[in-house]
N, C-alpha and C. Protein backbone atom coordinates (compact mmCIF):
# COMPACT_ATOMS: atom_id res chain seq x y z
N MET A 1 -18.51 18.86 31.16
CA MET A 1 -17.19 18.75 30.55
C MET A 1 -16.94 17.30 30.14
N ALA A 2 -16.44 17.11 28.93
CA ALA A 2 -16.15 15.75 28.45
C ALA A 2 -14.89 15.23 29.14
N SER A 3 -14.91 13.95 29.46
CA SER A 3 -13.73 13.38 30.12
C SER A 3 -12.66 13.07 29.07
N ASP A 4 -11.45 12.97 29.53
CA ASP A 4 -10.34 12.66 28.62
C ASP A 4 -10.46 11.25 28.08
N SER A 5 -10.10 11.07 26.82
CA SER A 5 -9.95 9.75 26.24
C SER A 5 -8.48 9.37 26.40
N THR A 6 -8.22 8.08 26.57
CA THR A 6 -6.83 7.64 26.76
C THR A 6 -6.58 6.35 26.00
N PHE A 7 -5.29 6.08 25.79
CA PHE A 7 -4.86 4.75 25.38
C PHE A 7 -3.48 4.52 25.95
N ASP A 8 -3.11 3.25 26.06
CA ASP A 8 -1.79 2.90 26.59
C ASP A 8 -0.91 2.44 25.43
N VAL A 9 0.36 2.83 25.49
CA VAL A 9 1.35 2.37 24.53
C VAL A 9 2.20 1.33 25.25
N VAL A 10 2.23 0.10 24.71
CA VAL A 10 2.99 -0.98 25.33
C VAL A 10 3.90 -1.62 24.29
N SER A 11 4.82 -2.42 24.77
CA SER A 11 5.67 -3.21 23.88
C SER A 11 5.70 -4.62 24.47
N LYS A 12 4.83 -5.46 23.94
CA LYS A 12 4.71 -6.83 24.44
C LYS A 12 4.96 -7.82 23.31
N VAL A 13 5.46 -8.98 23.67
CA VAL A 13 5.74 -10.04 22.70
C VAL A 13 5.06 -11.31 23.20
N ASP A 14 4.44 -12.04 22.29
CA ASP A 14 3.80 -13.31 22.63
C ASP A 14 4.90 -14.36 22.83
N LYS A 15 5.15 -14.72 24.08
CA LYS A 15 6.24 -15.66 24.41
C LYS A 15 6.06 -17.01 23.72
N GLN A 16 4.80 -17.44 23.59
CA GLN A 16 4.54 -18.73 22.94
C GLN A 16 4.96 -18.69 21.47
N GLU A 17 4.71 -17.57 20.81
CA GLU A 17 5.11 -17.43 19.40
C GLU A 17 6.64 -17.42 19.27
N VAL A 18 7.32 -16.80 20.24
CA VAL A 18 8.79 -16.81 20.23
C VAL A 18 9.29 -18.25 20.39
N ALA A 19 8.69 -18.99 21.31
CA ALA A 19 9.08 -20.39 21.52
C ALA A 19 8.82 -21.21 20.26
N ASN A 20 7.68 -20.97 19.59
CA ASN A 20 7.37 -21.67 18.35
C ASN A 20 8.40 -21.35 17.27
N ALA A 21 8.77 -20.06 17.14
CA ALA A 21 9.76 -19.65 16.15
C ALA A 21 11.11 -20.31 16.45
N LEU A 22 11.47 -20.39 17.73
CA LEU A 22 12.73 -21.02 18.13
C LEU A 22 12.72 -22.51 17.77
N ASN A 23 11.61 -23.19 18.05
CA ASN A 23 11.50 -24.61 17.72
C ASN A 23 11.59 -24.85 16.22
N GLN A 24 10.93 -24.00 15.44
CA GLN A 24 10.99 -24.12 13.98
C GLN A 24 12.42 -23.90 13.48
N ALA A 25 13.10 -22.91 14.06
CA ALA A 25 14.48 -22.62 13.65
C ALA A 25 15.38 -23.81 14.00
N GLN A 26 15.18 -24.41 15.18
CA GLN A 26 15.97 -25.58 15.57
C GLN A 26 15.79 -26.72 14.57
N LYS A 27 14.54 -26.97 14.18
CA LYS A 27 14.26 -28.04 13.22
C LYS A 27 14.92 -27.76 11.87
N GLU A 28 14.78 -26.53 11.38
CA GLU A 28 15.38 -26.19 10.09
C GLU A 28 16.90 -26.32 10.12
N ILE A 29 17.51 -25.87 11.20
CA ILE A 29 18.98 -25.94 11.33
C ILE A 29 19.43 -27.40 11.37
N ALA A 30 18.65 -28.25 12.04
CA ALA A 30 19.00 -29.67 12.12
C ALA A 30 18.87 -30.35 10.76
N GLN A 31 17.98 -29.89 9.90
CA GLN A 31 17.72 -30.54 8.62
C GLN A 31 18.54 -30.00 7.46
N ARG A 32 18.93 -28.72 7.52
CA ARG A 32 19.57 -28.12 6.36
C ARG A 32 20.98 -28.66 6.12
N TYR A 33 21.26 -28.94 4.88
CA TYR A 33 22.56 -29.51 4.48
C TYR A 33 23.71 -28.55 4.79
N ASP A 34 23.52 -27.26 4.54
CA ASP A 34 24.61 -26.29 4.77
C ASP A 34 24.95 -26.10 6.25
N PHE A 35 24.13 -26.64 7.15
CA PHE A 35 24.44 -26.56 8.58
C PHE A 35 25.00 -27.87 9.14
N LYS A 36 25.14 -28.90 8.30
CA LYS A 36 25.67 -30.19 8.76
C LYS A 36 27.15 -30.04 9.13
N GLY A 37 27.52 -30.53 10.30
CA GLY A 37 28.93 -30.57 10.70
C GLY A 37 29.56 -29.24 11.05
N VAL A 38 28.75 -28.19 11.24
CA VAL A 38 29.33 -26.89 11.60
C VAL A 38 28.98 -26.50 13.05
N GLY A 39 28.38 -27.44 13.77
CA GLY A 39 28.04 -27.18 15.18
C GLY A 39 26.98 -26.11 15.35
N ALA A 40 26.12 -25.95 14.33
CA ALA A 40 25.08 -24.91 14.41
C ALA A 40 24.00 -25.32 15.40
N GLU A 41 23.72 -24.41 16.35
CA GLU A 41 22.70 -24.66 17.37
C GLU A 41 22.02 -23.36 17.73
N ILE A 42 20.79 -23.48 18.22
CA ILE A 42 20.09 -22.33 18.78
C ILE A 42 19.32 -22.84 19.99
N ASP A 43 19.49 -22.18 21.14
CA ASP A 43 18.87 -22.63 22.39
C ASP A 43 18.41 -21.45 23.22
N PHE A 44 17.36 -21.69 24.01
CA PHE A 44 16.94 -20.75 25.04
C PHE A 44 17.80 -21.01 26.26
N SER A 45 18.32 -19.96 26.88
CA SER A 45 18.97 -20.12 28.18
C SER A 45 18.37 -19.04 29.08
N GLY A 46 17.30 -19.39 29.75
CA GLY A 46 16.59 -18.41 30.57
C GLY A 46 15.86 -17.42 29.67
N GLU A 47 16.15 -16.14 29.84
CA GLU A 47 15.54 -15.11 29.00
C GLU A 47 16.33 -14.90 27.71
N ASN A 48 17.55 -15.43 27.67
CA ASN A 48 18.41 -15.20 26.52
C ASN A 48 18.35 -16.35 25.52
N ILE A 49 18.66 -16.04 24.29
CA ILE A 49 18.74 -17.03 23.23
C ILE A 49 20.21 -17.11 22.84
N LEU A 50 20.74 -18.32 22.83
CA LEU A 50 22.16 -18.51 22.51
C LEU A 50 22.27 -19.24 21.18
N LEU A 51 23.02 -18.63 20.26
CA LEU A 51 23.24 -19.23 18.95
C LEU A 51 24.71 -19.62 18.87
N LYS A 52 25.00 -20.80 18.31
CA LYS A 52 26.38 -21.29 18.23
C LYS A 52 26.64 -21.85 16.84
N ALA A 53 27.89 -21.73 16.39
CA ALA A 53 28.35 -22.36 15.15
C ALA A 53 29.86 -22.28 15.12
N ASN A 54 30.49 -22.91 14.10
CA ASN A 54 31.95 -22.96 14.09
C ASN A 54 32.60 -21.75 13.41
N SER A 55 31.81 -20.82 12.87
CA SER A 55 32.40 -19.61 12.29
C SER A 55 31.44 -18.42 12.45
N ASP A 56 32.02 -17.25 12.29
CA ASP A 56 31.29 -16.00 12.38
C ASP A 56 30.11 -16.00 11.39
N GLU A 57 30.38 -16.39 10.13
CA GLU A 57 29.34 -16.37 9.09
C GLU A 57 28.22 -17.36 9.41
N ARG A 58 28.58 -18.55 9.89
CA ARG A 58 27.59 -19.58 10.18
C ARG A 58 26.66 -19.16 11.32
N VAL A 59 27.21 -18.52 12.34
CA VAL A 59 26.37 -18.10 13.47
C VAL A 59 25.41 -17.00 13.01
N LYS A 60 25.87 -16.16 12.07
CA LYS A 60 24.98 -15.13 11.50
C LYS A 60 23.89 -15.78 10.65
N ALA A 61 24.22 -16.87 9.97
CA ALA A 61 23.23 -17.61 9.17
C ALA A 61 22.16 -18.23 10.09
N VAL A 62 22.58 -18.72 11.26
CA VAL A 62 21.64 -19.26 12.24
C VAL A 62 20.69 -18.13 12.70
N LEU A 63 21.25 -16.95 12.93
CA LEU A 63 20.43 -15.80 13.32
C LEU A 63 19.43 -15.45 12.22
N ASP A 64 19.85 -15.50 10.96
CA ASP A 64 18.95 -15.23 9.84
C ASP A 64 17.77 -16.19 9.83
N VAL A 65 18.05 -17.47 10.07
CA VAL A 65 16.98 -18.48 10.11
C VAL A 65 16.00 -18.12 11.22
N PHE A 66 16.51 -17.81 12.40
CA PHE A 66 15.65 -17.47 13.54
C PHE A 66 14.82 -16.22 13.24
N GLU A 67 15.45 -15.18 12.65
CA GLU A 67 14.73 -13.95 12.32
C GLU A 67 13.60 -14.24 11.34
N SER A 68 13.85 -15.09 10.35
CA SER A 68 12.80 -15.39 9.36
C SER A 68 11.62 -16.09 10.04
N LYS A 69 11.90 -16.95 11.01
CA LYS A 69 10.83 -17.65 11.74
C LYS A 69 10.04 -16.67 12.60
N LEU A 70 10.73 -15.70 13.22
CA LEU A 70 10.03 -14.68 14.01
C LEU A 70 9.08 -13.88 13.12
N ILE A 71 9.55 -13.48 11.95
CA ILE A 71 8.73 -12.68 11.03
C ILE A 71 7.49 -13.47 10.61
N LYS A 72 7.69 -14.75 10.28
CA LYS A 72 6.55 -15.58 9.88
C LYS A 72 5.52 -15.71 11.00
N ARG A 73 5.96 -15.60 12.24
CA ARG A 73 5.05 -15.73 13.38
C ARG A 73 4.51 -14.37 13.83
N GLY A 74 4.80 -13.34 13.06
CA GLY A 74 4.24 -12.02 13.35
C GLY A 74 4.93 -11.27 14.47
N ILE A 75 6.18 -11.59 14.73
CA ILE A 75 6.93 -10.89 15.78
C ILE A 75 7.91 -9.93 15.13
N SER A 76 7.82 -8.67 15.50
CA SER A 76 8.67 -7.64 14.92
C SER A 76 10.12 -7.86 15.32
N LEU A 77 11.03 -7.65 14.36
CA LEU A 77 12.46 -7.77 14.67
C LEU A 77 12.94 -6.63 15.58
N LYS A 78 12.10 -5.60 15.75
CA LYS A 78 12.44 -4.54 16.71
C LYS A 78 12.47 -5.09 18.14
N SER A 79 11.78 -6.22 18.34
CA SER A 79 11.74 -6.84 19.67
C SER A 79 12.94 -7.74 19.93
N LEU A 80 13.72 -8.01 18.88
CA LEU A 80 14.90 -8.88 19.02
C LEU A 80 16.13 -8.03 19.23
N ASP A 81 16.84 -8.29 20.31
CA ASP A 81 18.07 -7.57 20.61
C ASP A 81 19.22 -8.57 20.45
N ALA A 82 19.87 -8.55 19.28
CA ALA A 82 20.94 -9.51 19.00
C ALA A 82 22.29 -8.82 19.11
N GLY A 83 23.23 -9.50 19.78
CA GLY A 83 24.57 -8.96 19.92
C GLY A 83 25.42 -9.31 18.71
N GLU A 84 26.72 -9.17 18.86
CA GLU A 84 27.67 -9.52 17.80
C GLU A 84 28.27 -10.90 18.11
N PRO A 85 28.62 -11.65 17.06
CA PRO A 85 29.27 -12.95 17.29
C PRO A 85 30.61 -12.77 18.00
N TYR A 86 30.92 -13.69 18.91
CA TYR A 86 32.22 -13.65 19.58
C TYR A 86 32.75 -15.08 19.70
N PRO A 87 34.09 -15.23 19.61
CA PRO A 87 34.66 -16.57 19.71
C PRO A 87 34.61 -17.07 21.15
N SER A 88 34.35 -18.38 21.29
CA SER A 88 34.34 -19.01 22.60
C SER A 88 34.93 -20.41 22.40
N GLY A 89 36.18 -20.55 22.68
CA GLY A 89 36.85 -21.83 22.42
C GLY A 89 36.92 -22.05 20.92
N LYS A 90 36.42 -23.20 20.46
CA LYS A 90 36.47 -23.52 19.02
C LYS A 90 35.21 -23.10 18.28
N GLU A 91 34.28 -22.44 18.98
CA GLU A 91 33.04 -22.05 18.31
C GLU A 91 32.80 -20.55 18.45
N TYR A 92 31.88 -20.09 17.64
CA TYR A 92 31.44 -18.70 17.75
C TYR A 92 30.06 -18.70 18.37
N ARG A 93 29.82 -17.72 19.22
CA ARG A 93 28.52 -17.60 19.88
C ARG A 93 27.94 -16.23 19.62
N LEU A 94 26.62 -16.17 19.68
CA LEU A 94 25.92 -14.90 19.54
C LEU A 94 24.77 -14.95 20.52
N GLU A 95 24.65 -13.95 21.35
CA GLU A 95 23.56 -13.90 22.32
C GLU A 95 22.51 -12.91 21.86
N ALA A 96 21.26 -13.31 22.03
CA ALA A 96 20.14 -12.45 21.66
C ALA A 96 19.10 -12.52 22.77
N SER A 97 18.25 -11.52 22.83
CA SER A 97 17.16 -11.55 23.80
C SER A 97 15.94 -10.87 23.18
N ILE A 98 14.80 -11.16 23.75
CA ILE A 98 13.55 -10.56 23.30
C ILE A 98 13.24 -9.41 24.26
N LYS A 99 13.08 -8.22 23.70
CA LYS A 99 12.81 -7.04 24.52
C LYS A 99 11.31 -6.91 24.78
N GLU A 100 10.96 -6.72 26.05
CA GLU A 100 9.57 -6.50 26.42
C GLU A 100 9.50 -5.24 27.26
N GLY A 101 8.42 -4.53 27.14
CA GLY A 101 8.27 -3.29 27.88
C GLY A 101 9.03 -2.17 27.17
N ILE A 102 8.73 -0.96 27.55
CA ILE A 102 9.37 0.20 26.94
C ILE A 102 10.42 0.70 27.93
N ALA A 103 11.67 0.69 27.51
CA ALA A 103 12.77 1.16 28.37
C ALA A 103 12.59 2.66 28.63
N GLN A 104 13.13 3.14 29.76
CA GLN A 104 12.97 4.55 30.14
C GLN A 104 13.46 5.51 29.06
N ASP A 105 14.64 5.24 28.47
CA ASP A 105 15.18 6.15 27.46
C ASP A 105 14.28 6.19 26.22
N VAL A 106 13.72 5.03 25.84
CA VAL A 106 12.82 4.98 24.69
C VAL A 106 11.51 5.69 25.03
N ALA A 107 11.01 5.49 26.25
CA ALA A 107 9.77 6.16 26.69
C ALA A 107 9.95 7.69 26.63
N LYS A 108 11.12 8.17 27.02
CA LYS A 108 11.38 9.61 26.97
C LYS A 108 11.40 10.12 25.54
N LYS A 109 11.98 9.30 24.62
CA LYS A 109 11.97 9.68 23.20
C LYS A 109 10.54 9.77 22.66
N ILE A 110 9.70 8.81 23.08
CA ILE A 110 8.31 8.79 22.61
C ILE A 110 7.56 10.02 23.13
N THR A 111 7.72 10.34 24.41
CA THR A 111 7.01 11.51 24.96
C THR A 111 7.49 12.79 24.29
N LYS A 112 8.78 12.87 23.99
CA LYS A 112 9.32 14.04 23.29
C LYS A 112 8.74 14.14 21.88
N LEU A 113 8.64 12.99 21.19
CA LEU A 113 8.06 12.96 19.85
C LEU A 113 6.62 13.45 19.89
N ILE A 114 5.84 12.97 20.87
CA ILE A 114 4.45 13.39 21.00
C ILE A 114 4.37 14.89 21.29
N ARG A 115 5.23 15.38 22.19
CA ARG A 115 5.25 16.80 22.54
C ARG A 115 5.60 17.67 21.33
N ASP A 116 6.64 17.23 20.58
CA ASP A 116 7.15 18.06 19.47
C ASP A 116 6.29 17.97 18.21
N GLU A 117 5.80 16.77 17.89
CA GLU A 117 5.14 16.59 16.59
C GLU A 117 3.66 16.23 16.69
N GLY A 118 3.20 15.85 17.86
CA GLY A 118 1.81 15.43 18.00
C GLY A 118 0.88 16.62 18.17
N PRO A 119 -0.43 16.35 18.15
CA PRO A 119 -1.41 17.42 18.40
C PRO A 119 -1.18 18.05 19.78
N LYS A 120 -1.44 19.34 19.89
CA LYS A 120 -1.13 20.08 21.12
C LYS A 120 -1.94 19.60 22.33
N SER A 121 -3.14 19.05 22.10
CA SER A 121 -3.99 18.66 23.23
C SER A 121 -3.58 17.33 23.86
N VAL A 122 -2.61 16.64 23.26
CA VAL A 122 -2.24 15.30 23.71
C VAL A 122 -1.15 15.35 24.79
N LYS A 123 -1.37 14.60 25.85
CA LYS A 123 -0.39 14.50 26.94
C LYS A 123 0.04 13.04 27.06
N ALA A 124 1.32 12.81 27.36
CA ALA A 124 1.83 11.45 27.55
C ALA A 124 2.51 11.35 28.90
N GLN A 125 2.22 10.26 29.63
CA GLN A 125 2.84 10.00 30.93
C GLN A 125 3.52 8.64 30.90
N ILE A 126 4.72 8.58 31.45
CA ILE A 126 5.42 7.30 31.56
C ILE A 126 4.90 6.61 32.82
N GLN A 127 4.46 5.35 32.66
CA GLN A 127 3.98 4.56 33.80
C GLN A 127 4.71 3.23 33.79
N GLY A 128 5.84 3.18 34.46
CA GLY A 128 6.64 1.95 34.48
C GLY A 128 7.19 1.65 33.11
N ASP A 129 6.83 0.49 32.53
CA ASP A 129 7.36 0.14 31.22
C ASP A 129 6.31 0.34 30.11
N GLU A 130 5.32 1.23 30.39
CA GLU A 130 4.38 1.61 29.34
C GLU A 130 4.07 3.10 29.45
N LEU A 131 3.32 3.60 28.47
CA LEU A 131 2.95 5.02 28.46
C LEU A 131 1.44 5.15 28.41
N ARG A 132 0.92 6.15 29.10
CA ARG A 132 -0.50 6.48 29.01
C ARG A 132 -0.58 7.79 28.23
N VAL A 133 -1.37 7.78 27.16
CA VAL A 133 -1.54 8.96 26.32
C VAL A 133 -2.98 9.42 26.47
N SER A 134 -3.19 10.71 26.73
CA SER A 134 -4.56 11.19 26.95
C SER A 134 -4.80 12.50 26.20
N SER A 135 -6.07 12.72 25.87
CA SER A 135 -6.50 13.94 25.20
C SER A 135 -8.02 14.02 25.29
N LYS A 136 -8.58 15.21 25.16
CA LYS A 136 -10.03 15.35 25.12
C LYS A 136 -10.57 14.90 23.77
N SER A 137 -9.73 14.96 22.75
CA SER A 137 -10.16 14.64 21.38
C SER A 137 -9.70 13.25 20.96
N ARG A 138 -10.65 12.38 20.60
CA ARG A 138 -10.29 11.04 20.10
C ARG A 138 -9.55 11.15 18.77
N ASP A 139 -9.90 12.16 17.97
CA ASP A 139 -9.22 12.35 16.68
C ASP A 139 -7.74 12.64 16.90
N ASP A 140 -7.45 13.45 17.92
CA ASP A 140 -6.04 13.74 18.24
C ASP A 140 -5.31 12.49 18.69
N LEU A 141 -6.01 11.61 19.45
CA LEU A 141 -5.40 10.35 19.88
C LEU A 141 -5.10 9.47 18.67
N GLN A 142 -6.02 9.43 17.71
CA GLN A 142 -5.79 8.62 16.52
C GLN A 142 -4.64 9.19 15.69
N ALA A 143 -4.52 10.50 15.64
CA ALA A 143 -3.39 11.13 14.93
C ALA A 143 -2.08 10.78 15.63
N THR A 144 -2.12 10.72 16.97
CA THR A 144 -0.93 10.35 17.75
C THR A 144 -0.55 8.90 17.48
N MET A 145 -1.55 8.01 17.40
CA MET A 145 -1.27 6.60 17.07
C MET A 145 -0.58 6.51 15.71
N ALA A 146 -1.08 7.25 14.74
CA ALA A 146 -0.48 7.24 13.39
C ALA A 146 0.97 7.73 13.46
N LEU A 147 1.21 8.76 14.26
CA LEU A 147 2.57 9.27 14.44
C LEU A 147 3.48 8.21 15.06
N LEU A 148 2.98 7.51 16.08
CA LEU A 148 3.80 6.51 16.78
C LEU A 148 4.06 5.27 15.92
N LYS A 149 3.22 5.00 14.94
CA LYS A 149 3.45 3.86 14.06
C LYS A 149 4.73 4.05 13.23
N THR A 150 5.19 5.30 13.10
CA THR A 150 6.42 5.58 12.36
C THR A 150 7.66 5.48 13.26
N PHE A 151 7.45 5.25 14.57
CA PHE A 151 8.56 5.20 15.54
C PHE A 151 9.41 3.95 15.30
N GLU A 152 10.72 4.14 15.15
CA GLU A 152 11.62 3.06 14.73
C GLU A 152 12.27 2.28 15.87
N ASP A 153 12.37 2.85 17.07
CA ASP A 153 13.20 2.27 18.12
C ASP A 153 12.57 1.10 18.87
N ALA A 154 11.27 0.89 18.75
CA ALA A 154 10.62 -0.20 19.50
C ALA A 154 9.37 -0.65 18.76
N ASP A 155 8.97 -1.89 19.03
CA ASP A 155 7.73 -2.43 18.50
C ASP A 155 6.62 -2.03 19.47
N LEU A 156 5.74 -1.14 19.03
CA LEU A 156 4.72 -0.59 19.92
C LEU A 156 3.33 -1.13 19.58
N GLN A 157 2.54 -1.37 20.62
CA GLN A 157 1.14 -1.72 20.44
C GLN A 157 0.31 -0.71 21.25
N PHE A 158 -0.93 -0.53 20.81
CA PHE A 158 -1.84 0.42 21.47
C PHE A 158 -2.98 -0.38 22.08
N VAL A 159 -3.21 -0.20 23.37
CA VAL A 159 -4.25 -0.95 24.07
C VAL A 159 -5.10 -0.01 24.93
N ASN A 160 -6.25 -0.52 25.35
CA ASN A 160 -7.14 0.18 26.29
C ASN A 160 -7.59 1.57 25.80
N LEU A 161 -7.96 1.68 24.52
CA LEU A 161 -8.47 2.94 24.03
C LEU A 161 -9.84 3.18 24.66
N ARG A 162 -9.96 4.29 25.41
CA ARG A 162 -11.24 4.61 26.04
C ARG A 162 -11.58 6.07 25.78
C-alpha cells in the first residue's frame, strides 16, 4: 500500500523584511515634502506598528507608504491587520499588526473549503496554527494547493511536501 503524501499549510512572514519595510517607510516619511510639519510617524511598539499624524487623511497616507514598502519586499497585505484611525489628543493614530499563523476560525474555513470543493481523497487536519493536508494522490494534493491559492482570508504558504 502506498503511503499518504502530505503538505503543511502555514502563514508565516519574514520579520526581517517587515523591519526593512518599516525602516524604508520611516525614511520616506521623513523626506517627503507633503509629510513635513504634520507629525507623521511610524514606529514598532512590540508586536504592533503605530502610525501617527495630525489628521485622519495623513495617517492613512502613512499607512499607504508602509503598505507599498511591504509589497516591494514581497509581503502580502493579507498579513497586515490595520485598524481604523482614531483621535488621541491633538493627533490621529492607527494601530496595525502583522498576522502570523493561521487563526482557528480561518483554519476551519480552509478545512471546509477543502472538504466542499477539493478532491474527495484529500483530508485536512488543524495542528495548532497550521494545517496538515494529506492524500494518497500527489495530483490531488497539487489540485488542493491550486484551490487554496484562491483563498482570500490569509496569506498561505505550502511547506514540507512529501
